[in-house]
Amino acid sequence: MDLQLNEVRHPNPVAQHSYDNLIAIDEQKAALLNTLHLFFDADKVNKWHKKHHHSKLAFFENIVSGTPLIILQGDVGCGKTALAHTIATPLGKLLDKRVFCFETPSNIRGAGRVGEISNRITEAFTQAKSKVKGHDIGILIIDEADDLATDREQNQAHHEDRAGLNVLIKQIDTVGREKSNLAVILITNRLKVLDPAVVRRATQIISFERPDKEARKEVFKYIFTGSDISGKDIDELVKATERKDTAYSFSDLIQKVAKQALFKAIEDDKSFDKNLYLKIMEKVQPSPSIK
């Protein structure tokens, strides 16, 4: 097989730095970390069961036998992929374990040969499971999951796509059944196109939205930390970035506008301030929404 998973070992300082700099998505960060923690910390879960229910709570089996699948869904540029790629570091520190983060390649579908999608999906899961040994744990990330998990009932669904989806579902079920130390994170901008069988298997679906007023305020406080900006300036930036139609995404505000403004400030040998940010923002349109 020519399929090669991208592999990163955690905890590591680069991932921790990136995780810490994910602004205004604290709720999503906490939800993902808590769910992964419960997936992998069987002692914590069992001690809770014994302490509070004398190990007799029938519904407890829903956690023990659950499928280790999480779906991150929402608009572009809102932190889904960045969080998926960095969560393994705080998780590893919390569990005091080594965590391997695997990502399927962009060419996971292959060249379109008969049976290729199915074989490559199988190979991705096989590789990930084989590399998680002993007390180590792993996270398999499948970005742009709608490429593999599109609803089988859609008219344009090709036979090979349907076969690949069936294999994906089978592999997810196998991870849960075998109790492998592996969790699966699917990332999508379009939850509604995913096959219901995949969505049903998710232990949790975490949604990401473009920043509202309060979130933008957090973003601007982060961007201008260390500058002479005032609270009034922050409020002005929040108001200036309000949109009635398509809102700015987190990446629009940080990666596009703020970085361009910073480059311009350095080039012109002037301070990085609100006015420069607003000047650059006038030239940057919000990223198109994909839902």
Protein backbone atom coordinates (compact mmCIF):
# COMPACT_ATOMS: atom_id res chain seq x y z
CA MET A 1 0.00 0.00 0.00
CA ASP A 2 1.26 3.51 -0.82
CA LEU A 3 -0.90 5.11 1.84
CA GLN A 4 1.06 6.92 4.52
CA LEU A 5 -0.55 8.46 7.58
CA ASN A 6 0.80 11.74 8.89
CA GLU A 7 1.99 10.94 12.42
CA VAL A 8 2.79 13.30 15.31
CA ARG A 9 3.79 12.30 18.84
CA HIS A 10 2.32 14.15 21.81
CA PRO A 11 2.70 15.89 24.20
CA ASN A 12 4.91 18.38 22.43
CA PRO A 13 5.53 22.12 22.98
CA VAL A 14 4.56 23.19 19.46
CA ALA A 15 1.10 21.64 19.79
CA GLN A 16 0.68 23.09 23.29
CA HIS A 17 1.48 26.57 22.01
CA SER A 18 -1.00 26.23 19.14
CA TYR A 19 -3.66 24.84 21.48
CA ASP A 20 -3.21 27.72 23.93
CA ASN A 21 -3.60 30.21 21.07
CA LEU A 22 -6.98 28.85 19.99
CA ILE A 23 -9.05 31.81 21.15
CA ALA A 24 -12.76 32.00 22.04
CA ILE A 25 -13.53 28.29 21.56
CA ASP A 26 -13.06 27.27 25.20
CA GLU A 27 -16.36 25.40 25.24
CA GLN A 28 -15.35 23.24 22.28
CA LYS A 29 -11.88 22.66 23.71
CA ALA A 30 -13.31 21.49 27.04
CA ALA A 31 -15.91 19.26 25.40
CA LEU A 32 -13.39 17.47 23.19
CA LEU A 33 -10.82 17.05 25.94
CA ASN A 34 -13.38 15.72 28.41
CA THR A 35 -14.81 13.19 25.97
CA LEU A 36 -11.38 11.89 24.94
CA HIS A 37 -10.38 11.71 28.59
CA LEU A 38 -13.35 9.47 29.36
CA PHE A 39 -12.61 7.30 26.30
CA PHE A 40 -9.14 6.48 27.58
CA ASP A 41 -9.31 6.71 31.38
CA ALA A 42 -11.16 3.53 32.25
CA ASP A 43 -10.03 3.69 35.89
CA LYS A 44 -11.65 7.09 36.40
CA VAL A 45 -14.90 5.94 34.80
CA ASN A 46 -15.06 2.69 36.77
CA LYS A 47 -14.23 4.37 40.08
CA TRP A 48 -17.04 6.86 39.51
CA HIS A 49 -19.45 3.99 38.73
CA LYS A 50 -18.48 2.09 41.86
CA LYS A 51 -18.58 5.16 44.12
CA HIS A 52 -21.92 6.59 43.06
CA HIS A 53 -23.88 3.54 41.88
CA HIS A 54 -22.14 0.52 43.47
CA SER A 55 -21.34 -0.71 39.93
CA LYS A 56 -25.03 -1.42 39.25
CA LEU A 57 -26.05 1.37 36.88
CA ALA A 58 -27.43 -0.40 33.80
CA PHE A 59 -27.04 2.64 31.55
CA PHE A 60 -23.31 2.63 32.34
CA GLU A 61 -22.80 0.09 29.54
CA ASN A 62 -23.55 2.87 27.04
CA ILE A 63 -20.22 4.45 27.97
CA VAL A 64 -18.21 1.27 28.26
CA SER A 65 -19.41 -0.12 24.93
CA GLY A 66 -19.68 3.20 23.08
CA THR A 67 -18.03 3.89 19.73
CA PRO A 68 -14.95 6.12 20.14
CA LEU A 69 -16.07 8.51 17.39
CA ILE A 70 -16.34 12.31 17.64
CA ILE A 71 -17.52 14.62 14.85
CA LEU A 72 -16.31 18.21 14.68
CA GLN A 73 -18.64 20.18 12.45
CA GLY A 74 -19.16 23.79 11.47
CA ASP A 75 -18.15 26.60 9.19
CA VAL A 76 -14.69 27.08 7.67
CA GLY A 77 -11.98 28.90 9.58
CA CYS A 78 -13.46 28.33 13.01
CA GLY A 79 -10.83 26.08 14.61
CA LYS A 80 -12.05 22.52 13.97
CA THR A 81 -8.90 21.19 12.34
CA ALA A 82 -6.52 23.17 14.55
CA LEU A 83 -8.18 21.79 17.68
CA ALA A 84 -8.17 18.22 16.38
CA HIS A 85 -4.44 18.43 15.67
CA THR A 86 -3.48 19.89 19.05
CA ILE A 87 -5.84 18.25 21.54
CA ALA A 88 -3.54 15.24 21.94
CA THR A 89 -1.00 17.29 23.89
CA PRO A 90 -3.28 18.41 26.78
CA LEU A 91 -4.84 14.93 26.68
CA GLY A 92 -1.44 13.26 27.02
CA LYS A 93 -0.55 15.51 29.95
CA LEU A 94 -3.88 14.83 31.63
CA LEU A 95 -3.47 11.06 31.30
CA ASP A 96 0.31 11.07 31.71
CA LYS A 97 0.58 8.99 28.56
CA ARG A 98 2.11 9.22 25.11
CA VAL A 99 -0.45 10.00 22.42
CA PHE A 100 0.01 9.42 18.70
CA CYS A 101 -2.02 11.63 16.40
CA PHE A 102 -2.57 10.24 12.89
CA GLU A 103 -4.13 12.02 9.93
CA THR A 104 -5.30 10.47 6.68
CA PRO A 105 -3.61 11.97 3.59
CA SER A 106 -5.42 14.32 1.21
CA ASN A 107 -5.37 11.57 -1.43
CA ILE A 108 -7.13 9.05 0.81
CA ARG A 109 -9.55 8.26 -2.03
CA GLY A 110 -6.72 7.16 -4.31
CA ALA A 111 -6.84 7.28 -8.10
CA GLY A 112 -10.36 5.91 -8.51
CA ARG A 113 -9.50 2.29 -9.25
CA VAL A 114 -12.03 -0.37 -8.34
CA GLY A 115 -11.91 -1.18 -4.64
CA GLU A 116 -9.19 1.41 -3.97
CA ILE A 117 -11.16 3.63 -1.59
CA SER A 118 -12.17 0.66 0.53
CA ASN A 119 -8.63 -0.70 0.64
CA ARG A 120 -7.12 2.63 1.59
CA ILE A 121 -9.64 3.23 4.38
CA THR A 122 -8.89 -0.23 5.76
CA GLU A 123 -5.16 0.43 5.52
CA ALA A 124 -5.50 3.75 7.38
CA PHE A 125 -7.21 2.09 10.34
CA THR A 126 -4.85 -0.89 10.26
CA GLN A 127 -1.79 1.37 10.36
CA ALA A 128 -3.15 3.52 13.17
CA LYS A 129 -4.09 0.53 15.34
CA SER A 130 -0.76 -1.21 14.73
CA LYS A 131 1.24 1.82 15.87
CA VAL A 132 -0.61 2.22 19.17
CA LYS A 133 1.04 -0.24 21.51
CA GLY A 134 1.23 -0.88 25.23
CA HIS A 135 -0.02 2.04 27.29
CA ASP A 136 0.10 4.46 24.37
CA ILE A 137 -3.11 5.87 22.90
CA GLY A 138 -3.95 7.19 19.46
CA ILE A 139 -6.26 9.58 17.63
CA LEU A 140 -7.07 9.09 13.95
CA ILE A 141 -8.15 12.32 12.25
CA ILE A 142 -10.17 12.22 9.04
CA ASP A 143 -10.49 15.80 7.74
CA GLU A 144 -13.07 16.79 5.13
CA ALA A 145 -14.94 13.66 6.16
CA ASP A 146 -17.76 14.32 3.68
CA ASP A 147 -15.36 13.00 1.00
CA LEU A 148 -15.67 9.54 2.55
CA ALA A 149 -18.90 9.60 4.52
CA THR A 150 -21.45 11.15 2.15
CA ASP A 151 -25.00 9.91 2.55
CA ARG A 152 -25.51 6.72 0.50
CA GLU A 153 -28.96 7.89 -0.55
CA GLN A 154 -27.66 10.84 -2.53
CA ASN A 155 -28.27 10.39 -6.24
CA GLN A 156 -24.68 11.08 -7.22
CA ALA A 157 -23.26 8.50 -4.84
CA HIS A 158 -21.13 6.14 -6.93
CA HIS A 159 -20.87 2.42 -6.19
CA GLU A 160 -17.24 2.84 -5.08
CA ASP A 161 -18.22 5.67 -2.73
CA ARG A 162 -20.94 3.54 -1.18
CA ALA A 163 -18.54 0.64 -0.77
CA GLY A 164 -15.96 2.93 0.84
CA LEU A 165 -18.56 4.30 3.24
CA ASN A 166 -19.56 0.78 4.26
CA VAL A 167 -15.92 -0.02 5.00
CA LEU A 168 -15.52 3.20 7.00
CA ILE A 169 -18.51 2.29 9.15
CA LYS A 170 -17.18 -1.24 9.61
CA GLN A 171 -13.75 0.03 10.65
CA ILE A 172 -15.23 2.49 13.16
CA ASP A 173 -17.32 -0.32 14.64
CA THR A 174 -14.26 -2.58 14.81
CA VAL A 175 -12.30 0.00 16.80
CA GLY A 176 -15.12 0.11 19.36
CA ARG A 177 -15.62 -3.64 19.44
CA GLU A 178 -11.91 -4.40 19.83
CA LYS A 179 -11.58 -1.68 22.49
CA SER A 180 -8.47 -0.42 20.71
CA ASN A 181 -6.70 2.51 22.35
CA LEU A 182 -7.76 4.60 19.38
CA ALA A 183 -10.31 7.37 18.98
CA VAL A 184 -11.56 8.65 15.62
CA ILE A 185 -12.25 12.31 14.89
CA LEU A 186 -14.20 13.19 11.74
CA ILE A 187 -14.09 16.83 10.62
CA THR A 188 -16.68 18.28 8.26
CA ASN A 189 -18.02 21.63 7.10
CA ARG A 190 -21.29 19.98 6.04
CA LEU A 191 -22.76 17.71 8.70
CA LYS A 192 -26.02 17.39 6.79
CA VAL A 193 -24.37 15.49 3.91
CA LEU A 194 -22.90 12.78 6.15
CA ASP A 195 -24.57 9.41 6.09
CA PRO A 196 -26.96 8.96 9.04
CA ALA A 197 -25.25 5.70 9.99
CA VAL A 198 -22.02 7.59 10.60
CA VAL A 199 -23.70 10.40 12.52
CA ARG A 200 -25.55 7.88 14.73
CA ARG A 201 -22.27 6.31 15.77
CA ALA A 202 -20.78 9.54 17.08
CA THR A 203 -20.49 9.71 20.84
CA GLN A 204 -20.40 13.47 20.51
CA ILE A 205 -20.90 16.11 17.81
CA ILE A 206 -19.12 19.38 18.59
CA SER A 207 -20.22 22.43 16.61
CA PHE A 208 -18.12 25.45 15.64
CA GLU A 209 -19.52 28.83 14.59
CA ARG A 210 -18.08 32.08 13.34
CA PRO A 211 -17.25 34.46 16.21
CA ASP A 212 -20.07 36.51 17.67
CA LYS A 213 -19.63 39.87 19.41
CA GLU A 214 -18.14 38.46 22.62
CA ALA A 215 -15.89 36.06 20.77
CA ARG A 216 -14.57 38.84 18.54
CA LYS A 217 -13.81 40.88 21.63
CA GLU A 218 -11.66 38.01 22.91
CA VAL A 219 -9.95 37.75 19.53
CA PHE A 220 -9.03 41.44 19.48
CA LYS A 221 -7.78 41.38 23.06
CA TYR A 222 -5.51 38.49 22.02
CA ILE A 223 -4.33 40.18 18.82
CA PHE A 224 -3.47 43.48 20.51
CA THR A 225 -2.00 42.13 23.76
CA GLY A 226 1.15 44.18 24.45
CA SER A 227 -0.01 47.19 22.45
CA ASP A 228 -1.44 50.47 23.70
CA ILE A 229 -4.95 49.66 22.53
CA SER A 230 -7.82 50.74 24.80
CA GLY A 231 -11.13 49.14 25.65
CA LYS A 232 -12.83 51.76 23.49
CA ASP A 233 -10.64 50.71 20.55
CA ILE A 234 -11.59 47.06 21.10
CA ASP A 235 -15.27 47.98 21.06
CA GLU A 236 -14.76 49.90 17.83
CA LEU A 237 -13.09 46.88 16.22
CA VAL A 238 -15.92 44.63 17.36
CA LYS A 239 -18.48 46.96 15.84
CA ALA A 240 -16.50 47.39 12.61
CA THR A 241 -16.36 43.62 12.07
CA GLU A 242 -20.11 43.13 12.48
CA ARG A 243 -21.71 41.71 9.33
CA LYS A 244 -25.38 41.26 8.52
CA ASP A 245 -24.73 38.54 5.94
CA THR A 246 -21.55 36.44 6.05
CA ALA A 247 -19.54 36.98 9.22
CA TYR A 248 -15.78 36.98 9.49
CA SER A 249 -14.29 33.67 10.60
CA PHE A 250 -11.58 33.33 13.24
CA SER A 251 -8.98 32.73 10.53
CA ASP A 252 -10.18 35.80 8.63
CA LEU A 253 -9.65 38.04 11.66
CA ILE A 254 -6.36 36.49 12.80
CA GLN A 255 -4.60 34.90 9.84
CA LYS A 256 -5.72 37.24 7.08
CA VAL A 257 -6.32 40.69 8.50
CA ALA A 258 -4.10 40.74 11.61
CA LYS A 259 -1.08 39.15 9.95
CA GLN A 260 -1.31 41.41 6.91
CA ALA A 261 -1.58 44.42 9.21
CA LEU A 262 1.45 43.25 11.19
CA PHE A 263 3.51 42.80 8.01
CA LYS A 264 2.47 46.27 6.87
CA ALA A 265 3.44 47.80 10.21
CA ILE A 266 6.90 46.24 10.00
CA GLU A 267 7.33 47.28 6.36
CA ASP A 268 6.36 50.89 7.11
CA ASP A 269 8.23 50.95 10.44
CA LYS A 270 5.16 52.06 12.37
CA SER A 271 3.15 50.73 15.31
CA PHE A 272 0.65 47.91 14.99
CA ASP A 273 -2.63 49.55 15.94
CA LYS A 274 -6.38 49.68 15.46
CA ASN A 275 -6.31 52.07 12.52
CA LEU A 276 -3.91 49.91 10.54
CA TYR A 277 -6.01 46.83 11.27
CA LEU A 278 -9.17 48.58 10.06
CA LYS A 279 -7.40 49.78 6.92
CA ILE A 280 -6.35 46.24 6.00
CA MET A 281 -9.77 44.86 6.93
CA GLU A 282 -11.42 47.03 4.28
CA LYS A 283 -9.60 44.97 1.65
CA VAL A 284 -10.46 41.56 3.11
CA GLN A 285 -13.86 40.00 2.55
CA PRO A 286 -15.16 37.25 4.88
CA SER A 287 -14.49 33.72 3.68
CA PRO A 288 -17.50 32.18 1.90
CA SER A 289 -19.66 30.11 4.20
CA ILE A 290 -19.82 26.36 3.51
CA LYS A 291 -22.70 24.55 5.20
